[in-house]
Amino acid sequence: MLEYVGRTELWKDGLAKGSVNLKIFDVQLSDRGNYTCFVVNGSDYDEAVVELKVTGL
């Protein structure tokens, strides 16, 4: 995970409404692929898989 140090920002402002945003800066071709987000709140748990496609570098 060292490759993301200084290149990410987690936005939790919408967490109460079920929205969490991760921004990746200086996107690189090697960033492409599937990302899994896990959210745990007490006994509640959810996850989502997002595919990042990198084009136009």
N, C-alpha and C. Protein backbone atom coordinates (compact mmCIF):
# COMPACT_ATOMS: atom_id res chain seq x y z
N MET A 1 0.81 -1.20 0.00
CA MET A 1 0.00 0.00 0.00
C MET A 1 0.85 1.26 0.00
N LEU A 2 2.13 1.13 0.07
CA LEU A 2 3.01 2.30 0.07
C LEU A 2 2.87 3.13 -1.20
N GLU A 3 2.45 2.49 -2.30
CA GLU A 3 2.32 3.22 -3.56
C GLU A 3 1.20 4.27 -3.53
N TYR A 4 0.33 4.22 -2.51
CA TYR A 4 -0.76 5.19 -2.40
C TYR A 4 -0.49 6.29 -1.38
N VAL A 5 0.61 6.20 -0.66
CA VAL A 5 0.92 7.21 0.36
C VAL A 5 1.02 8.59 -0.29
N GLY A 6 0.26 9.53 0.24
CA GLY A 6 0.28 10.89 -0.29
C GLY A 6 -0.55 11.09 -1.54
N ARG A 7 -1.20 10.03 -2.05
CA ARG A 7 -1.99 10.14 -3.28
C ARG A 7 -3.47 9.88 -3.08
N THR A 8 -3.90 9.72 -1.84
CA THR A 8 -5.31 9.42 -1.59
C THR A 8 -5.91 10.35 -0.55
N GLU A 9 -7.22 10.50 -0.65
CA GLU A 9 -7.96 11.31 0.31
C GLU A 9 -9.32 10.63 0.53
N LEU A 10 -9.65 10.34 1.78
CA LEU A 10 -10.92 9.70 2.11
C LEU A 10 -11.91 10.76 2.57
N TRP A 11 -13.04 10.84 1.89
CA TRP A 11 -14.08 11.80 2.24
C TRP A 11 -15.19 11.05 2.94
N LYS A 12 -15.40 11.36 4.22
CA LYS A 12 -16.40 10.67 5.03
C LYS A 12 -17.62 11.54 5.32
N ASP A 13 -17.71 12.70 4.68
CA ASP A 13 -18.81 13.64 4.96
C ASP A 13 -20.19 13.00 4.77
N GLY A 14 -20.33 12.12 3.80
CA GLY A 14 -21.62 11.52 3.52
C GLY A 14 -21.86 10.19 4.20
N LEU A 15 -21.00 9.83 5.15
CA LEU A 15 -21.08 8.52 5.79
C LEU A 15 -22.45 8.27 6.43
N ALA A 16 -23.03 9.27 7.05
CA ALA A 16 -24.35 9.11 7.69
C ALA A 16 -25.43 8.76 6.66
N LYS A 17 -25.19 9.13 5.40
CA LYS A 17 -26.15 8.83 4.33
C LYS A 17 -25.72 7.62 3.51
N GLY A 18 -24.66 6.94 3.96
CA GLY A 18 -24.21 5.73 3.27
C GLY A 18 -23.24 5.98 2.14
N SER A 19 -22.59 7.13 2.13
CA SER A 19 -21.66 7.47 1.06
C SER A 19 -20.26 7.73 1.60
N VAL A 20 -19.29 7.02 1.05
CA VAL A 20 -17.88 7.24 1.37
C VAL A 20 -17.14 7.38 0.05
N ASN A 21 -16.31 8.39 -0.07
CA ASN A 21 -15.59 8.64 -1.32
C ASN A 21 -14.09 8.57 -1.09
N LEU A 22 -13.40 7.90 -2.01
CA LEU A 22 -11.95 7.84 -1.99
C LEU A 22 -11.45 8.49 -3.27
N LYS A 23 -10.63 9.51 -3.12
CA LYS A 23 -10.05 10.19 -4.27
C LYS A 23 -8.60 9.76 -4.40
N ILE A 24 -8.20 9.34 -5.60
CA ILE A 24 -6.82 8.97 -5.89
C ILE A 24 -6.24 10.05 -6.79
N PHE A 25 -5.15 10.65 -6.36
CA PHE A 25 -4.47 11.69 -7.12
C PHE A 25 -3.37 11.08 -7.97
N ASP A 26 -2.98 11.80 -9.02
CA ASP A 26 -1.88 11.36 -9.89
C ASP A 26 -2.06 9.90 -10.29
N VAL A 27 -3.23 9.60 -10.85
CA VAL A 27 -3.57 8.22 -11.24
C VAL A 27 -2.54 7.69 -12.23
N GLN A 28 -2.15 6.45 -12.02
CA GLN A 28 -1.17 5.77 -12.86
C GLN A 28 -1.81 4.54 -13.47
N LEU A 29 -1.27 4.07 -14.57
CA LEU A 29 -1.79 2.87 -15.22
C LEU A 29 -1.83 1.69 -14.25
N SER A 30 -0.86 1.62 -13.36
CA SER A 30 -0.80 0.51 -12.40
C SER A 30 -1.91 0.57 -11.35
N ASP A 31 -2.66 1.68 -11.28
CA ASP A 31 -3.77 1.81 -10.34
C ASP A 31 -5.02 1.06 -10.82
N ARG A 32 -5.04 0.68 -12.09
CA ARG A 32 -6.24 0.03 -12.62
C ARG A 32 -6.51 -1.30 -11.92
N GLY A 33 -7.79 -1.66 -11.89
CA GLY A 33 -8.16 -2.94 -11.28
C GLY A 33 -9.34 -2.78 -10.34
N ASN A 34 -9.61 -3.83 -9.59
CA ASN A 34 -10.74 -3.85 -8.66
C ASN A 34 -10.31 -3.36 -7.28
N TYR A 35 -11.17 -2.56 -6.69
CA TYR A 35 -10.98 -2.06 -5.32
C TYR A 35 -12.19 -2.48 -4.50
N THR A 36 -11.96 -2.97 -3.29
CA THR A 36 -13.05 -3.35 -2.41
C THR A 36 -13.07 -2.41 -1.22
N CYS A 37 -14.25 -1.85 -0.97
CA CYS A 37 -14.45 -0.94 0.15
C CYS A 37 -15.25 -1.67 1.22
N PHE A 38 -14.72 -1.71 2.44
CA PHE A 38 -15.40 -2.32 3.57
C PHE A 38 -15.79 -1.22 4.56
N VAL A 39 -17.04 -1.22 4.98
CA VAL A 39 -17.50 -0.25 5.97
C VAL A 39 -18.15 -1.01 7.11
N VAL A 40 -17.66 -0.77 8.33
CA VAL A 40 -18.20 -1.42 9.52
C VAL A 40 -18.63 -0.34 10.50
N ASN A 41 -19.84 -0.48 11.02
CA ASN A 41 -20.37 0.45 12.01
C ASN A 41 -21.10 -0.37 13.06
N GLY A 42 -20.42 -0.66 14.15
CA GLY A 42 -21.01 -1.53 15.17
C GLY A 42 -21.24 -2.91 14.60
N SER A 43 -22.48 -3.36 14.60
CA SER A 43 -22.79 -4.68 14.05
C SER A 43 -23.16 -4.61 12.57
N ASP A 44 -23.26 -3.41 12.01
CA ASP A 44 -23.57 -3.24 10.59
C ASP A 44 -22.29 -3.35 9.76
N TYR A 45 -22.41 -3.99 8.60
CA TYR A 45 -21.26 -4.22 7.74
C TYR A 45 -21.74 -4.17 6.29
N ASP A 46 -20.95 -3.56 5.44
CA ASP A 46 -21.26 -3.58 4.02
C ASP A 46 -19.96 -3.49 3.24
N GLU A 47 -20.01 -3.94 2.02
CA GLU A 47 -18.84 -3.85 1.15
C GLU A 47 -19.29 -3.60 -0.27
N ALA A 48 -18.41 -3.01 -1.05
CA ALA A 48 -18.68 -2.75 -2.46
C ALA A 48 -17.39 -2.94 -3.23
N VAL A 49 -17.51 -3.46 -4.44
CA VAL A 49 -16.36 -3.63 -5.32
C VAL A 49 -16.51 -2.65 -6.48
N VAL A 50 -15.44 -1.90 -6.74
CA VAL A 50 -15.43 -0.92 -7.82
C VAL A 50 -14.27 -1.24 -8.74
N GLU A 51 -14.52 -1.23 -10.05
CA GLU A 51 -13.44 -1.44 -11.01
C GLU A 51 -12.96 -0.09 -11.52
N LEU A 52 -11.67 0.18 -11.38
CA LEU A 52 -11.08 1.41 -11.88
C LEU A 52 -10.43 1.12 -13.23
N LYS A 53 -10.90 1.83 -14.25
CA LYS A 53 -10.31 1.72 -15.58
C LYS A 53 -9.53 3.01 -15.83
N VAL A 54 -8.28 2.88 -16.22
CA VAL A 54 -7.42 4.03 -16.46
C VAL A 54 -7.21 4.18 -17.96
N THR A 55 -7.61 5.34 -18.50
CA THR A 55 -7.43 5.63 -19.92
C THR A 55 -6.94 7.06 -20.09
N GLY A 56 -6.37 7.36 -21.21
CA GLY A 56 -6.02 8.73 -21.55
C GLY A 56 -4.91 9.35 -20.73
N LEU A 57 -3.90 8.58 -20.36
CA LEU A 57 -2.78 9.17 -19.61
C LEU A 57 -1.85 9.90 -20.53
